[in-house]
Amino acid sequence: MRQFRKEFLSKTGEKYVLKQIDNIKHSELAMRMRAKALKDNEFYATDKWNYKNIGEQMKNCSRILVMGAMYGIYNEKREVISTISHHNALLRFMNDYQHLAPSTIYISDLFRDTLKQLPQDQLNGGKNYAYSCLGATKPEARQNGLMKKLMYLQFQHCYELDGYQNLLMFCTAYETYKVMSDIGAKPVKFYDLPEHLKLDCYKGDGIMQPGQGVCAAMCLELKDIQQKAIEYNNSY
């Protein structure tokens, strides 16, 4: 598996490590954190696994691990405080539908529509488009700019190592939408999502409102930000 590791010291002295996740236990921690944040299913509230609900998700998670396409931020306690992963957009939403979490199943229906908005002659079996999924991120990752650093590392690897030309992301939080916009991503289409999904889009600052598209499907051309990503990642 391809590996990378970046160490980062925050302004207040905390040490963090950004690296590829290569341990199924670490991905388990990340899944628990995400489920607790989104209340995707009942396993977030207990220390025991509910294999009936998440067994298939773990299979899917294992496949992503084998691909070397899952990344995480660790604090000094070796806790996962943010994750991001990517893989073929068409495979994600067309063939692996049954392995998705409840909220992602709803989003996947919208992303199928998003794929129809893209130049069909450029889909190339999906290889031209990677789908990026940002997991639950604790405040310390956002406050120290670590989330953005992790995203840049992923962009660089998507383009350099995996050969993707574009990256798709469904921004359900205004903070993510803002970061993607600042980086240079363009909205493909705006969608409304029901409030019962408990996504961050309903906590925004008024820029994205129900009825106007609270979530944005965005596309980023990786070639255009490649040098910027390299410079950004080498700056610490």
C-alpha atoms as a PDB file:
ATOM      1  CA  MET A   1       0.000   0.000   0.000  1.00  0.00           C
ATOM      2  CA  ARG A   2       1.245   3.498  -0.786  1.00  0.00           C
ATOM      3  CA  GLN A   3       2.024   5.407   2.375  1.00  0.00           C
ATOM      4  CA  PHE A   4       2.455   8.986   3.448  1.00  0.00           C
ATOM      5  CA  ARG A   5       2.909  10.594   6.819  1.00  0.00           C
ATOM      6  CA  LYS A   6       2.952  14.302   7.708  1.00  0.00           C
ATOM      7  CA  GLU A   7       3.586  15.652  11.195  1.00  0.00           C
ATOM      8  CA  PHE A   8       2.106  18.981  12.189  1.00  0.00           C
ATOM      9  CA  LEU A   9       2.643  21.207  15.237  1.00  0.00           C
ATOM     10  CA  SER A  10      -0.200  23.619  15.962  1.00  0.00           C
ATOM     11  CA  LYS A  11       0.327  27.219  17.095  1.00  0.00           C
ATOM     12  CA  THR A  12      -0.557  26.190  20.631  1.00  0.00           C
ATOM     13  CA  GLY A  13       1.941  23.320  20.660  1.00  0.00           C
ATOM     14  CA  GLU A  14      -0.234  20.248  20.033  1.00  0.00           C
ATOM     15  CA  LYS A  15       1.224  17.555  17.803  1.00  0.00           C
ATOM     16  CA  TYR A  16      -0.828  15.925  15.055  1.00  0.00           C
ATOM     17  CA  VAL A  17      -0.091  13.292  12.437  1.00  0.00           C
ATOM     18  CA  LEU A  18      -1.749  13.169   9.016  1.00  0.00           C
ATOM     19  CA  LYS A  19      -1.410   9.761   7.387  1.00  0.00           C
ATOM     20  CA  GLN A  20      -3.074   7.052   5.381  1.00  0.00           C
ATOM     21  CA  ILE A  21      -5.221   4.735   7.484  1.00  0.00           C
ATOM     22  CA  ASP A  22      -3.957   1.189   7.064  1.00  0.00           C
ATOM     23  CA  ASN A  23      -5.512  -0.424  10.128  1.00  0.00           C
ATOM     24  CA  ILE A  24      -9.086  -1.671  10.205  1.00  0.00           C
ATOM     25  CA  LYS A  25      -9.323  -0.755  13.901  1.00  0.00           C
ATOM     26  CA  HIS A  26      -8.515   2.848  13.076  1.00  0.00           C
ATOM     27  CA  SER A  27     -11.186   2.885  10.404  1.00  0.00           C
ATOM     28  CA  GLU A  28     -13.559   1.405  12.995  1.00  0.00           C
ATOM     29  CA  LEU A  29     -12.835   4.370  15.282  1.00  0.00           C
ATOM     30  CA  ALA A  30     -13.486   6.749  12.424  1.00  0.00           C
ATOM     31  CA  MET A  31     -16.791   5.064  11.602  1.00  0.00           C
ATOM     32  CA  ARG A  32     -17.898   5.240  15.225  1.00  0.00           C
ATOM     33  CA  MET A  33     -17.042   8.926  15.366  1.00  0.00           C
ATOM     34  CA  ARG A  34     -18.954   9.629  12.176  1.00  0.00           C
ATOM     35  CA  ALA A  35     -21.993   7.646  13.297  1.00  0.00           C
ATOM     36  CA  LYS A  36     -22.019   9.438  16.645  1.00  0.00           C
ATOM     37  CA  ALA A  37     -21.968  12.798  14.877  1.00  0.00           C
ATOM     38  CA  LEU A  38     -24.630  11.944  12.296  1.00  0.00           C
ATOM     39  CA  LYS A  39     -26.618   9.424  14.369  1.00  0.00           C
ATOM     40  CA  ASP A  40     -26.649   7.290  11.233  1.00  0.00           C
ATOM     41  CA  ASN A  41     -27.587   4.156  13.151  1.00  0.00           C
ATOM     42  CA  GLU A  42     -27.797   2.861  16.696  1.00  0.00           C
ATOM     43  CA  PHE A  43     -24.256   1.520  17.027  1.00  0.00           C
ATOM     44  CA  TYR A  44     -22.901   4.955  17.933  1.00  0.00           C
ATOM     45  CA  ALA A  45     -24.411   4.665  21.436  1.00  0.00           C
ATOM     46  CA  THR A  46     -22.809   1.401  22.520  1.00  0.00           C
ATOM     47  CA  ASP A  47     -19.386  -0.187  22.753  1.00  0.00           C
ATOM     48  CA  LYS A  48     -20.712  -3.360  21.170  1.00  0.00           C
ATOM     49  CA  TRP A  49     -20.821  -3.791  17.425  1.00  0.00           C
ATOM     50  CA  ASN A  50     -24.179  -4.242  15.753  1.00  0.00           C
ATOM     51  CA  TYR A  51     -22.930  -6.463  12.950  1.00  0.00           C
ATOM     52  CA  LYS A  52     -26.322  -6.670  11.286  1.00  0.00           C
ATOM     53  CA  ASN A  53     -26.322  -2.944  10.572  1.00  0.00           C
ATOM     54  CA  ILE A  54     -22.681  -2.243   9.815  1.00  0.00           C
ATOM     55  CA  GLY A  55     -21.216  -5.524   8.613  1.00  0.00           C
ATOM     56  CA  GLU A  56     -21.618  -4.562   4.971  1.00  0.00           C
ATOM     57  CA  GLN A  57     -20.277  -1.084   5.647  1.00  0.00           C
ATOM     58  CA  MET A  58     -17.145  -2.641   7.127  1.00  0.00           C
ATOM     59  CA  LYS A  59     -16.689  -4.739   3.993  1.00  0.00           C
ATOM     60  CA  ASN A  60     -16.868  -1.580   1.939  1.00  0.00           C
ATOM     61  CA  CYS A  61     -14.512   0.164   4.352  1.00  0.00           C
ATOM     62  CA  SER A  62     -12.032  -2.702   4.011  1.00  0.00           C
ATOM     63  CA  ARG A  63     -12.066  -2.357   0.237  1.00  0.00           C
ATOM     64  CA  ILE A  64     -11.252   1.341   0.525  1.00  0.00           C
ATOM     65  CA  LEU A  65      -8.409   0.510   2.921  1.00  0.00           C
ATOM     66  CA  VAL A  66      -6.935  -1.977   0.465  1.00  0.00           C
ATOM     67  CA  MET A  67      -7.058   0.715  -2.215  1.00  0.00           C
ATOM     68  CA  GLY A  68      -5.021   2.992   0.055  1.00  0.00           C
ATOM     69  CA  ALA A  69      -7.611   5.734  -0.304  1.00  0.00           C
ATOM     70  CA  MET A  70      -8.501   6.469   3.323  1.00  0.00           C
ATOM     71  CA  TYR A  71      -6.749   9.214   5.267  1.00  0.00           C
ATOM     72  CA  GLY A  72      -6.897  10.400   8.861  1.00  0.00           C
ATOM     73  CA  ILE A  73      -5.691  12.973  11.375  1.00  0.00           C
ATOM     74  CA  TYR A  74      -4.436  11.650  14.718  1.00  0.00           C
ATOM     75  CA  ASN A  75      -3.866  13.645  17.901  1.00  0.00           C
ATOM     76  CA  GLU A  76      -1.248  12.858  20.560  1.00  0.00           C
ATOM     77  CA  LYS A  77      -3.600  10.316  22.149  1.00  0.00           C
ATOM     78  CA  ARG A  78      -3.680   8.451  18.796  1.00  0.00           C
ATOM     79  CA  GLU A  79      -7.350   9.339  18.452  1.00  0.00           C
ATOM     80  CA  VAL A  80      -8.763   9.787  14.965  1.00  0.00           C
ATOM     81  CA  ILE A  81     -10.153  13.327  14.827  1.00  0.00           C
ATOM     82  CA  SER A  82     -10.914  13.589  11.106  1.00  0.00           C
ATOM     83  CA  THR A  83     -11.066  11.271   8.108  1.00  0.00           C
ATOM     84  CA  ILE A  84     -11.422  11.547   4.367  1.00  0.00           C
ATOM     85  CA  SER A  85     -11.582   8.878   1.662  1.00  0.00           C
ATOM     86  CA  HIS A  86     -12.021   8.660  -2.079  1.00  0.00           C
ATOM     87  CA  HIS A  87     -12.712   6.182  -4.828  1.00  0.00           C
ATOM     88  CA  ASN A  88     -14.307   5.827  -8.252  1.00  0.00           C
ATOM     89  CA  ALA A  89     -17.480   7.933  -8.301  1.00  0.00           C
ATOM     90  CA  LEU A  90     -19.434   5.648 -10.619  1.00  0.00           C
ATOM     91  CA  LEU A  91     -18.580   2.534  -8.627  1.00  0.00           C
ATOM     92  CA  ARG A  92     -19.459   4.321  -5.416  1.00  0.00           C
ATOM     93  CA  PHE A  93     -22.956   5.238  -6.455  1.00  0.00           C
ATOM     94  CA  MET A  94     -23.878   2.637  -9.052  1.00  0.00           C
ATOM     95  CA  ASN A  95     -22.431  -0.668  -7.862  1.00  0.00           C
ATOM     96  CA  ASP A  96     -21.854  -0.290  -4.116  1.00  0.00           C
ATOM     97  CA  TYR A  97     -25.237   1.188  -3.318  1.00  0.00           C
ATOM     98  CA  GLN A  98     -26.149  -1.534  -0.828  1.00  0.00           C
ATOM     99  CA  HIS A  99     -23.078  -0.851   1.318  1.00  0.00           C
ATOM    100  CA  LEU A 100     -23.808   2.809   2.009  1.00  0.00           C
ATOM    101  CA  ALA A 101     -24.849   4.301   5.339  1.00  0.00           C
ATOM    102  CA  PRO A 102     -28.467   5.564   5.638  1.00  0.00           C
ATOM    103  CA  SER A 103     -27.712   9.258   5.089  1.00  0.00           C
ATOM    104  CA  THR A 104     -25.329   8.430   2.242  1.00  0.00           C
ATOM    105  CA  ILE A 105     -27.986   6.312   0.545  1.00  0.00           C
ATOM    106  CA  TYR A 106     -30.183   9.395   0.362  1.00  0.00           C
ATOM    107  CA  ILE A 107     -27.305  11.517  -0.902  1.00  0.00           C
ATOM    108  CA  SER A 108     -26.346   8.846  -3.425  1.00  0.00           C
ATOM    109  CA  ASP A 109     -29.707   9.246  -5.146  1.00  0.00           C
ATOM    110  CA  LEU A 110     -28.909  12.925  -5.591  1.00  0.00           C
ATOM    111  CA  PHE A 111     -25.384  12.198  -6.753  1.00  0.00           C
ATOM    112  CA  ARG A 112     -26.724   9.888  -9.433  1.00  0.00           C
ATOM    113  CA  ASP A 113     -28.456  12.993 -10.706  1.00  0.00           C
ATOM    114  CA  THR A 114     -25.189  14.932 -10.352  1.00  0.00           C
ATOM    115  CA  LEU A 115     -23.386  12.417 -12.551  1.00  0.00           C
ATOM    116  CA  LYS A 116     -25.940  13.104 -15.279  1.00  0.00           C
ATOM    117  CA  GLN A 117     -24.948  16.790 -15.236  1.00  0.00           C
ATOM    118  CA  LEU A 118     -21.307  15.986 -16.064  1.00  0.00           C
ATOM    119  CA  PRO A 119     -19.928  15.633 -19.618  1.00  0.00           C
ATOM    120  CA  GLN A 120     -20.880  12.049 -20.398  1.00  0.00           C
ATOM    121  CA  ASP A 121     -18.007  11.571 -22.834  1.00  0.00           C
ATOM    122  CA  GLN A 122     -15.557  12.325 -20.014  1.00  0.00           C
ATOM    123  CA  LEU A 123     -16.874   9.873 -17.428  1.00  0.00           C
ATOM    124  CA  ASN A 124     -14.525   7.165 -18.742  1.00  0.00           C
ATOM    125  CA  GLY A 125     -15.990   4.492 -16.509  1.00  0.00           C
ATOM    126  CA  GLY A 126     -15.677   6.900 -13.623  1.00  0.00           C
ATOM    127  CA  LYS A 127     -11.877   6.952 -13.639  1.00  0.00           C
ATOM    128  CA  ASN A 128     -11.847  10.649 -14.507  1.00  0.00           C
ATOM    129  CA  TYR A 129     -13.928  11.381 -11.414  1.00  0.00           C
ATOM    130  CA  ALA A 130     -13.037  10.442  -7.850  1.00  0.00           C
ATOM    131  CA  TYR A 131     -15.686  10.826  -5.187  1.00  0.00           C
ATOM    132  CA  SER A 132     -14.419  12.291  -1.920  1.00  0.00           C
ATOM    133  CA  CYS A 133     -16.189  11.721   1.382  1.00  0.00           C
ATOM    134  CA  LEU A 134     -15.183  13.760   4.419  1.00  0.00           C
ATOM    135  CA  GLY A 135     -15.978  11.990   7.680  1.00  0.00           C
ATOM    136  CA  ALA A 136     -16.962  13.587  10.954  1.00  0.00           C
ATOM    137  CA  THR A 137     -14.378  16.159  11.995  1.00  0.00           C
ATOM    138  CA  LYS A 138     -13.794  17.267  15.564  1.00  0.00           C
ATOM    139  CA  PRO A 139     -13.477  21.026  16.264  1.00  0.00           C
ATOM    140  CA  GLU A 140      -9.736  20.818  16.955  1.00  0.00           C
ATOM    141  CA  ALA A 141      -9.136  19.682  13.369  1.00  0.00           C
ATOM    142  CA  ARG A 142     -11.053  22.620  11.924  1.00  0.00           C
ATOM    143  CA  GLN A 143      -9.557  25.186  14.304  1.00  0.00           C
ATOM    144  CA  ASN A 144      -5.977  24.232  13.456  1.00  0.00           C
ATOM    145  CA  GLY A 145      -6.553  24.130   9.714  1.00  0.00           C
ATOM    146  CA  LEU A 146      -5.853  20.395   9.723  1.00  0.00           C
ATOM    147  CA  MET A 147      -8.965  19.483   7.761  1.00  0.00           C
ATOM    148  CA  LYS A 148      -7.820  21.642   4.852  1.00  0.00           C
ATOM    149  CA  LYS A 149      -4.333  20.132   4.987  1.00  0.00           C
ATOM    150  CA  LEU A 150      -5.811  16.638   4.893  1.00  0.00           C
ATOM    151  CA  MET A 151      -7.959  17.583   1.905  1.00  0.00           C
ATOM    152  CA  TYR A 152      -4.925  18.939   0.035  1.00  0.00           C
ATOM    153  CA  LEU A 153      -2.955  15.766   0.709  1.00  0.00           C
ATOM    154  CA  GLN A 154      -5.827  13.731  -0.674  1.00  0.00           C
ATOM    155  CA  PHE A 155      -6.103  15.930  -3.775  1.00  0.00           C
ATOM    156  CA  GLN A 156      -2.401  15.495  -4.459  1.00  0.00           C
ATOM    157  CA  HIS A 157      -2.566  11.715  -4.124  1.00  0.00           C
ATOM    158  CA  CYS A 158      -5.762  11.484  -6.199  1.00  0.00           C
ATOM    159  CA  TYR A 159      -4.016  13.184  -9.102  1.00  0.00           C
ATOM    160  CA  GLU A 160      -0.416  11.981  -8.782  1.00  0.00           C
ATOM    161  CA  LEU A 161      -0.892   8.377  -7.714  1.00  0.00           C
ATOM    162  CA  ASP A 162      -4.405   7.387  -8.732  1.00  0.00           C
ATOM    163  CA  GLY A 163      -4.687   9.329 -11.989  1.00  0.00           C
ATOM    164  CA  TYR A 164      -8.023  11.035 -11.354  1.00  0.00           C
ATOM    165  CA  GLN A 165      -8.620  14.287 -13.230  1.00  0.00           C
ATOM    166  CA  ASN A 166     -11.565  15.580 -11.187  1.00  0.00           C
ATOM    167  CA  LEU A 167     -12.850  15.187  -7.667  1.00  0.00           C
ATOM    168  CA  LEU A 168     -16.517  15.276  -6.653  1.00  0.00           C
ATOM    169  CA  MET A 169     -17.723  16.135  -3.176  1.00  0.00           C
ATOM    170  CA  PHE A 170     -21.184  16.582  -1.705  1.00  0.00           C
ATOM    171  CA  CYS A 171     -20.892  19.497   0.741  1.00  0.00           C
ATOM    172  CA  THR A 172     -23.469  19.151   3.505  1.00  0.00           C
ATOM    173  CA  ALA A 173     -21.776  21.682   5.807  1.00  0.00           C
ATOM    174  CA  TYR A 174     -21.161  25.312   4.984  1.00  0.00           C
ATOM    175  CA  GLU A 175     -17.582  25.085   6.318  1.00  0.00           C
ATOM    176  CA  THR A 176     -16.780  22.359   3.790  1.00  0.00           C
ATOM    177  CA  TYR A 177     -18.536  24.280   1.024  1.00  0.00           C
ATOM    178  CA  LYS A 178     -16.449  27.355   1.869  1.00  0.00           C
ATOM    179  CA  VAL A 179     -13.161  25.413   1.872  1.00  0.00           C
ATOM    180  CA  MET A 180     -13.973  23.761  -1.460  1.00  0.00           C
ATOM    181  CA  SER A 181     -14.977  27.114  -2.965  1.00  0.00           C
ATOM    182  CA  ASP A 182     -11.760  28.737  -1.753  1.00  0.00           C
ATOM    183  CA  ILE A 183      -9.737  25.918  -3.283  1.00  0.00           C
ATOM    184  CA  GLY A 184     -11.424  26.402  -6.647  1.00  0.00           C
ATOM    185  CA  ALA A 185     -14.217  23.814  -6.793  1.00  0.00           C
ATOM    186  CA  LYS A 186     -17.326  24.738  -8.774  1.00  0.00           C
ATOM    187  CA  PRO A 187     -20.909  23.804  -7.816  1.00  0.00           C
ATOM    188  CA  VAL A 188     -22.447  21.286 -10.201  1.00  0.00           C
ATOM    189  CA  LYS A 189     -25.897  21.517  -8.657  1.00  0.00           C
ATOM    190  CA  PHE A 190     -27.550  22.560  -5.385  1.00  0.00           C
ATOM    191  CA  TYR A 191     -29.955  20.248  -3.577  1.00  0.00           C
ATOM    192  CA  ASP A 192     -32.282  20.361  -0.588  1.00  0.00           C
ATOM    193  CA  LEU A 193     -32.064  17.622   2.021  1.00  0.00           C
ATOM    194  CA  PRO A 194     -34.651  16.685   4.671  1.00  0.00           C
ATOM    195  CA  GLU A 195     -33.937  17.902   8.187  1.00  0.00           C
ATOM    196  CA  HIS A 196     -34.325  14.437   9.701  1.00  0.00           C
ATOM    197  CA  LEU A 197     -30.903  13.509   8.298  1.00  0.00           C
ATOM    198  CA  LYS A 198     -29.438  15.867  10.928  1.00  0.00           C
ATOM    199  CA  LEU A 199     -26.730  17.145   8.599  1.00  0.00           C
ATOM    200  CA  ASP A 200     -24.764  20.322   9.256  1.00  0.00           C
ATOM    201  CA  CYS A 201     -26.332  22.209   6.361  1.00  0.00           C
ATOM    202  CA  TYR A 202     -29.150  23.367   8.626  1.00  0.00           C
ATOM    203  CA  LYS A 203     -26.648  25.060  10.935  1.00  0.00           C
ATOM    204  CA  GLY A 204     -25.286  27.394   8.254  1.00  0.00           C
ATOM    205  CA  ASP A 205     -25.021  31.164   8.336  1.00  0.00           C
ATOM    206  CA  GLY A 206     -27.836  31.895   5.926  1.00  0.00           C
ATOM    207  CA  ILE A 207     -25.983  31.493   2.658  1.00  0.00           C
ATOM    208  CA  MET A 208     -27.544  28.121   1.894  1.00  0.00           C
ATOM    209  CA  GLN A 209     -31.158  27.877   3.019  1.00  0.00           C
ATOM    210  CA  PRO A 210     -33.919  25.249   2.635  1.00  0.00           C
ATOM    211  CA  GLY A 211     -35.680  25.824  -0.653  1.00  0.00           C
ATOM    212  CA  GLN A 212     -32.560  27.343  -2.186  1.00  0.00           C
ATOM    213  CA  GLY A 213     -30.340  24.274  -2.077  1.00  0.00           C
ATOM    214  CA  VAL A 214     -28.775  23.651   1.312  1.00  0.00           C
ATOM    215  CA  CYS A 215     -26.150  21.224  -0.027  1.00  0.00           C
ATOM    216  CA  ALA A 216     -23.830  21.554  -2.983  1.00  0.00           C
ATOM    217  CA  ALA A 217     -22.493  18.861  -5.283  1.00  0.00           C
ATOM    218  CA  MET A 218     -19.106  20.282  -6.262  1.00  0.00           C
ATOM    219  CA  CYS A 219     -16.446  19.376  -8.820  1.00  0.00           C
ATOM    220  CA  LEU A 220     -12.754  20.230  -8.539  1.00  0.00           C
ATOM    221  CA  GLU A 221     -10.306  19.992 -11.455  1.00  0.00           C
ATOM    222  CA  LEU A 222      -7.251  18.449  -9.831  1.00  0.00           C
ATOM    223  CA  LYS A 223      -4.797  19.500 -12.526  1.00  0.00           C
ATOM    224  CA  ASP A 224      -5.478  23.166 -11.798  1.00  0.00           C
ATOM    225  CA  ILE A 225      -4.584  22.935  -8.107  1.00  0.00           C
ATOM    226  CA  GLN A 226      -1.754  20.403  -8.294  1.00  0.00           C
ATOM    227  CA  GLN A 227       1.127  22.839  -7.845  1.00  0.00           C
ATOM    228  CA  LYS A 228      -0.808  24.712  -5.179  1.00  0.00           C
ATOM    229  CA  ALA A 229      -1.365  21.451  -3.311  1.00  0.00           C
ATOM    230  CA  ILE A 230       2.336  20.565  -3.443  1.00  0.00           C
ATOM    231  CA  GLU A 231       3.341  24.003  -2.145  1.00  0.00           C
ATOM    232  CA  TYR A 232       0.688  23.872   0.583  1.00  0.00           C
ATOM    233  CA  ASN A 233       1.693  20.412   1.755  1.00  0.00           C
ATOM    234  CA  ASN A 234       5.394  21.285   1.811  1.00  0.00           C
ATOM    235  CA  SER A 235       4.789  24.422   3.867  1.00  0.00           C
ATOM    236  CA  TYR A 236       4.788  22.654   7.218  1.00  0.00           C
END
